[in-house]
Amino acid sequence: MNTIDARHDTALATAGWTIIPQLIRMDLLDSLVEALQPSLALRNEIRQRNGVLDNSAGTLHHLLMDSECYVELLAEFSVLEPVFKRYFDGNFVLNSYGGVINERDSRSYVQNVHRDIRFGSDSRRFMLNALVMLDDFTLENGATHVLSHSQNIQQQPADEAFYAQAARATGKRGSVLLFDSRMWHATGQNATLAPRRALTLTFTSPFFKPQLDYARLFGYRNLDQCNAWMRQVLGFNARVPESLDEFYVPVEQRFYQRGQD
């Protein structure tokens, strides 16, 4: 594991993005790559059944409990906790856990210029993106376009201006791209014959609703397996009580813990 130093904090605060090189170990990356295709097949089956398959090629959502390796990756993210806490100036939870298989000539919504949160604050950050490179990210295979310093630009830039000015987030397999979710960005076009795969996680302040109920998906029956990091990031410390019996309990047993603001 790399030592995470203050340079990444500075980059996030200024340019709005940073790459932590080769953070994830190779054997875990291999397991994640192996799990990704069956996960995509499952989601495509559901999307086909529900009539929402268009413009979604290679995109995956809510992978957490598909395979143990997805849970293991989230546990490995604990090394980033100091960076996350400094970014949010406090606690945070998992908001989404997805992935992208970017293949030659594929087309999906992630290739449009976009940002992942539509509002911001001069005094507080609400959302952070973390992209895990499961393959090398190169200019040829569709490395992400990121418009540096765009976290405070409300108006979507025209495509021509965006692609002329955007940087490319290239990196070796296992590297992690972190960026302010207000950044304008787009998945690049893959011009190679090999897929370019990534996992895309987002984290938010604890009072934001996650895109899926990850605490329930993970299961209360598995709560005793969670260390402090997993309990926090899965949202078990920011739950809403369901009854008076759940509300009137000692502080340490409450679902909604202090510091979740």
Protein backbone atom coordinates (compact mmCIF):
# COMPACT_ATOMS: atom_id res chain seq x y z
CA MET A 1 0.00 0.00 0.00
CA ASN A 2 1.15 3.53 -0.77
CA THR A 3 1.59 6.20 1.86
CA ILE A 4 -1.14 8.77 1.28
CA ASP A 5 0.39 12.21 1.73
CA ALA A 6 -0.84 15.79 1.73
CA ARG A 7 -0.11 16.31 -1.97
CA HIS A 8 -3.39 14.57 -2.76
CA ASP A 9 -5.30 16.92 -0.45
CA THR A 10 -3.75 19.90 -2.22
CA ALA A 11 -4.57 18.52 -5.66
CA LEU A 12 -8.20 17.86 -4.69
CA ALA A 13 -8.53 21.38 -3.29
CA THR A 14 -7.01 23.06 -6.36
CA ALA A 15 -7.17 21.12 -9.63
CA GLY A 16 -10.04 19.07 -8.19
CA TRP A 17 -8.57 15.63 -8.88
CA THR A 18 -5.60 13.40 -8.10
CA ILE A 19 -4.35 9.90 -8.90
CA ILE A 20 -2.94 7.61 -6.22
CA PRO A 21 -0.73 5.20 -8.19
CA GLN A 22 -1.10 1.41 -7.95
CA LEU A 23 -2.94 1.45 -4.64
CA ILE A 24 -4.82 -1.85 -5.05
CA ARG A 25 -2.95 -5.16 -5.00
CA MET A 26 -2.82 -7.33 -8.13
CA ASP A 27 -4.55 -10.46 -6.83
CA LEU A 28 -7.59 -8.45 -5.74
CA LEU A 29 -7.67 -6.70 -9.13
CA ASP A 30 -7.70 -10.11 -10.82
CA SER A 31 -10.67 -11.21 -8.71
CA LEU A 32 -12.54 -8.00 -9.48
CA VAL A 33 -11.98 -8.40 -13.23
CA GLU A 34 -13.23 -11.99 -13.07
CA ALA A 35 -16.37 -10.92 -11.19
CA LEU A 36 -17.23 -8.00 -13.45
CA GLN A 37 -18.58 -9.82 -16.53
CA PRO A 38 -21.10 -11.99 -14.61
CA SER A 39 -22.19 -8.85 -12.76
CA LEU A 40 -22.79 -7.09 -16.09
CA ALA A 41 -24.78 -10.06 -17.45
CA LEU A 42 -27.06 -10.00 -14.39
CA ARG A 43 -27.74 -6.28 -14.76
CA ASN A 44 -28.30 -6.48 -18.50
CA GLU A 45 -30.87 -9.22 -17.93
CA ILE A 46 -32.77 -7.01 -15.47
CA ARG A 47 -32.49 -3.92 -17.71
CA GLN A 48 -33.70 -5.89 -20.69
CA ARG A 49 -36.65 -7.21 -18.70
CA ASN A 50 -37.55 -3.73 -17.47
CA GLY A 51 -37.02 -1.96 -20.78
CA VAL A 52 -34.13 0.28 -19.70
CA LEU A 53 -31.21 -1.20 -21.65
CA ASP A 54 -30.66 1.72 -24.04
CA ASN A 55 -27.54 3.89 -23.69
CA SER A 56 -26.13 1.77 -20.87
CA ALA A 57 -23.52 -0.40 -22.60
CA GLY A 58 -20.95 -1.70 -20.15
CA THR A 59 -22.31 0.16 -17.12
CA LEU A 60 -22.90 -1.58 -13.79
CA HIS A 61 -24.53 -0.34 -10.59
CA HIS A 62 -24.62 -1.50 -6.95
CA LEU A 63 -22.01 -4.25 -7.12
CA LEU A 64 -21.29 -4.54 -3.40
CA MET A 65 -22.82 -7.96 -2.62
CA ASP A 66 -22.33 -9.66 -6.00
CA SER A 67 -19.01 -11.10 -4.87
CA GLU A 68 -16.82 -11.09 -1.78
CA CYS A 69 -14.10 -9.30 -3.75
CA TYR A 70 -16.26 -6.17 -4.02
CA VAL A 71 -16.64 -6.08 -0.24
CA GLU A 72 -12.91 -6.70 0.14
CA LEU A 73 -12.12 -3.71 -2.09
CA LEU A 74 -14.31 -1.44 0.04
CA ALA A 75 -12.51 -2.72 3.14
CA GLU A 76 -9.15 -1.95 1.47
CA PHE A 77 -10.31 1.63 0.95
CA SER A 78 -9.78 2.20 4.67
CA VAL A 79 -6.26 3.38 3.80
CA LEU A 80 -7.94 6.40 2.19
CA GLU A 81 -9.90 7.33 5.32
CA PRO A 82 -7.58 10.23 6.29
CA VAL A 83 -7.88 11.74 2.80
CA PHE A 84 -11.66 11.34 2.83
CA LYS A 85 -12.04 12.83 6.30
CA ARG A 86 -9.96 15.85 5.35
CA TYR A 87 -11.91 16.28 2.12
CA PHE A 88 -15.30 16.15 3.86
CA ASP A 89 -14.05 17.76 7.06
CA GLY A 90 -15.82 14.94 8.86
CA ASN A 91 -17.52 11.62 8.26
CA PHE A 92 -18.90 10.15 5.03
CA VAL A 93 -20.71 7.07 3.69
CA LEU A 94 -20.78 5.04 0.49
CA ASN A 95 -23.27 6.60 -1.92
CA SER A 96 -22.85 4.32 -4.95
CA TYR A 97 -20.73 1.36 -6.04
CA GLY A 98 -20.62 0.82 -9.78
CA GLY A 99 -18.36 -0.07 -12.65
CA VAL A 100 -17.73 0.47 -16.36
CA ILE A 101 -16.53 -1.92 -19.04
CA ASN A 102 -15.47 0.42 -21.84
CA GLU A 103 -15.13 -1.45 -25.14
CA ARG A 104 -14.35 -0.35 -28.68
CA ASP A 105 -17.32 1.36 -30.35
CA SER A 106 -19.48 1.04 -27.21
CA ARG A 107 -21.80 3.89 -26.32
CA SER A 108 -23.27 4.84 -22.96
CA TYR A 109 -24.29 7.89 -20.97
CA VAL A 110 -20.96 8.02 -19.10
CA GLN A 111 -19.27 9.15 -22.32
CA ASN A 112 -21.26 12.40 -22.23
CA VAL A 113 -19.71 15.43 -20.55
CA HIS A 114 -21.28 15.52 -17.11
CA ARG A 115 -20.78 16.04 -13.39
CA ASP A 116 -22.07 13.75 -10.63
CA ILE A 117 -23.53 16.36 -8.31
CA ARG A 118 -25.40 19.41 -9.57
CA PHE A 119 -24.80 21.77 -6.67
CA GLY A 120 -22.04 22.76 -4.31
CA SER A 121 -20.99 25.05 -1.53
CA ASP A 122 -18.14 27.48 -1.06
CA SER A 123 -17.60 26.20 2.46
CA ARG A 124 -18.33 22.46 2.25
CA ARG A 125 -17.81 19.48 -0.04
CA PHE A 126 -20.61 16.96 -0.25
CA MET A 127 -19.45 14.24 -2.66
CA LEU A 128 -16.23 12.54 -3.82
CA ASN A 129 -15.65 10.12 -6.71
CA ALA A 130 -13.18 7.24 -6.52
CA LEU A 131 -12.38 5.35 -9.74
CA VAL A 132 -10.34 2.13 -9.50
CA MET A 133 -8.39 1.33 -12.67
CA LEU A 134 -8.78 -2.40 -13.27
CA ASP A 135 -6.71 -2.04 -16.46
CA ASP A 136 -4.06 0.47 -17.44
CA PHE A 137 -5.74 3.75 -18.39
CA THR A 138 -4.19 5.10 -21.60
CA LEU A 139 -5.02 7.74 -24.18
CA GLU A 140 -5.83 4.95 -26.62
CA ASN A 141 -8.22 2.91 -24.48
CA GLY A 142 -10.39 5.71 -23.17
CA ALA A 143 -8.75 7.27 -20.11
CA THR A 144 -11.20 9.63 -18.40
CA HIS A 145 -11.33 13.26 -19.52
CA VAL A 146 -11.26 15.60 -16.50
CA LEU A 147 -11.56 19.39 -16.72
CA SER A 148 -9.20 20.68 -14.04
CA HIS A 149 -10.44 23.49 -11.78
CA SER A 150 -14.02 23.03 -13.03
CA GLN A 151 -15.53 22.21 -9.62
CA ASN A 152 -16.86 25.76 -9.34
CA ILE A 153 -18.11 26.08 -12.93
CA GLN A 154 -21.91 25.78 -12.85
CA GLN A 155 -22.53 25.99 -16.59
CA GLN A 156 -21.77 22.83 -18.56
CA PRO A 157 -18.94 23.61 -21.00
CA ALA A 158 -19.51 23.09 -24.70
CA ASP A 159 -18.07 19.78 -25.91
CA GLU A 160 -15.51 21.47 -28.16
CA ALA A 161 -14.15 23.60 -25.33
CA PHE A 162 -14.25 20.73 -22.85
CA TYR A 163 -12.24 18.28 -24.99
CA ALA A 164 -9.77 20.99 -25.98
CA GLN A 165 -9.00 21.87 -22.35
CA ALA A 166 -9.57 18.64 -20.38
CA ALA A 167 -6.71 16.58 -18.97
CA ARG A 168 -6.61 12.79 -19.30
CA ALA A 169 -6.50 10.62 -16.19
CA THR A 170 -3.97 8.01 -17.28
CA GLY A 171 -2.49 5.50 -14.88
CA LYS A 172 -1.34 1.98 -14.21
CA ARG A 173 -3.66 -0.84 -13.26
CA GLY A 174 -4.59 -0.61 -9.57
CA SER A 175 -4.32 3.17 -9.43
CA VAL A 176 -7.21 5.18 -7.94
CA LEU A 177 -8.49 8.43 -9.42
CA LEU A 178 -10.10 10.69 -6.81
CA PHE A 179 -12.02 13.75 -7.92
CA ASP A 180 -14.43 16.34 -6.61
CA SER A 181 -17.84 15.21 -7.85
CA ARG A 182 -18.58 18.71 -9.12
CA MET A 183 -15.86 18.26 -11.75
CA TRP A 184 -16.93 18.13 -15.39
CA HIS A 185 -15.68 14.85 -16.84
CA ALA A 186 -16.40 12.16 -19.43
CA THR A 187 -15.37 8.60 -20.18
CA GLY A 188 -13.02 8.45 -23.16
CA GLN A 189 -13.53 6.49 -26.35
CA ASN A 190 -11.72 3.15 -26.43
CA ALA A 191 -9.91 2.75 -29.76
CA THR A 192 -8.27 -0.59 -28.84
CA LEU A 193 -9.50 -4.16 -29.14
CA ALA A 194 -9.22 -4.84 -25.38
CA PRO A 195 -11.79 -3.72 -22.79
CA ARG A 196 -10.86 -0.90 -20.40
CA ARG A 197 -12.46 -1.69 -17.04
CA ALA A 198 -12.96 0.36 -13.91
CA LEU A 199 -14.93 0.43 -10.68
CA THR A 200 -16.62 3.72 -9.87
CA LEU A 201 -17.48 4.46 -6.25
CA THR A 202 -18.86 7.67 -4.80
CA PHE A 203 -18.91 8.85 -1.20
CA THR A 204 -21.09 11.56 0.35
CA SER A 205 -21.76 13.28 3.63
CA PRO A 206 -23.68 10.84 5.86
CA PHE A 207 -26.97 12.74 5.71
CA PHE A 208 -27.25 12.17 1.95
CA LYS A 209 -29.44 9.28 0.84
CA PRO A 210 -27.30 6.57 -0.80
CA GLN A 211 -28.41 5.40 -4.25
CA LEU A 212 -29.12 1.98 -2.71
CA ASP A 213 -29.64 0.97 0.91
CA TYR A 214 -26.17 -0.53 1.31
CA ALA A 215 -26.55 -1.23 5.02
CA ARG A 216 -29.65 -3.33 4.34
CA LEU A 217 -28.03 -4.93 1.28
CA PHE A 218 -25.01 -5.92 3.36
CA GLY A 219 -27.36 -7.18 6.08
CA TYR A 220 -27.75 -6.59 9.79
CA ARG A 221 -26.89 -10.25 10.30
CA ASN A 222 -23.37 -9.44 9.04
CA LEU A 223 -22.90 -6.38 11.23
CA ASP A 224 -20.73 -8.25 13.74
CA GLN A 225 -18.20 -8.80 10.91
CA CYS A 226 -17.74 -5.04 10.43
CA ASN A 227 -14.85 -3.08 11.82
CA ALA A 228 -15.28 0.62 12.56
CA TRP A 229 -14.42 1.61 8.96
CA MET A 230 -16.97 -0.74 7.36
CA ARG A 231 -19.69 0.15 9.86
CA GLN A 232 -19.24 3.82 9.02
CA VAL A 233 -18.82 3.59 5.25
CA LEU A 234 -21.76 1.18 4.79
CA GLY A 235 -24.01 3.63 6.61
CA PHE A 236 -24.74 1.68 9.78
CA ASN A 237 -23.88 4.79 11.81
CA ALA A 238 -26.38 6.91 9.90
CA ARG A 239 -29.49 4.72 9.98
CA VAL A 240 -32.98 5.90 10.87
CA PRO A 241 -34.62 4.03 13.78
CA GLU A 242 -37.77 2.10 12.83
CA SER A 243 -39.46 2.09 16.25
CA LEU A 244 -39.43 3.65 19.71
CA ASP A 245 -37.61 0.58 21.00
CA GLU A 246 -34.81 1.26 18.49
CA PHE A 247 -34.83 4.97 19.38
CA TYR A 248 -34.63 4.61 23.17
CA VAL A 249 -31.33 2.77 23.52
CA PRO A 250 -27.92 3.68 24.98
CA VAL A 251 -25.92 6.08 22.82
CA GLU A 252 -23.40 3.46 21.72
CA GLN A 253 -26.23 1.24 20.38
CA ARG A 254 -28.00 3.91 18.37
CA PHE A 255 -28.21 3.56 14.61
CA TYR A 256 -27.70 7.29 14.07
CA GLN A 257 -24.44 8.04 15.79
CA ARG A 258 -22.98 11.44 16.64
CA GLY A 259 -20.77 13.13 14.08
CA GLN A 260 -22.86 12.15 11.05
CA ASP A 261 -23.26 15.71 9.85
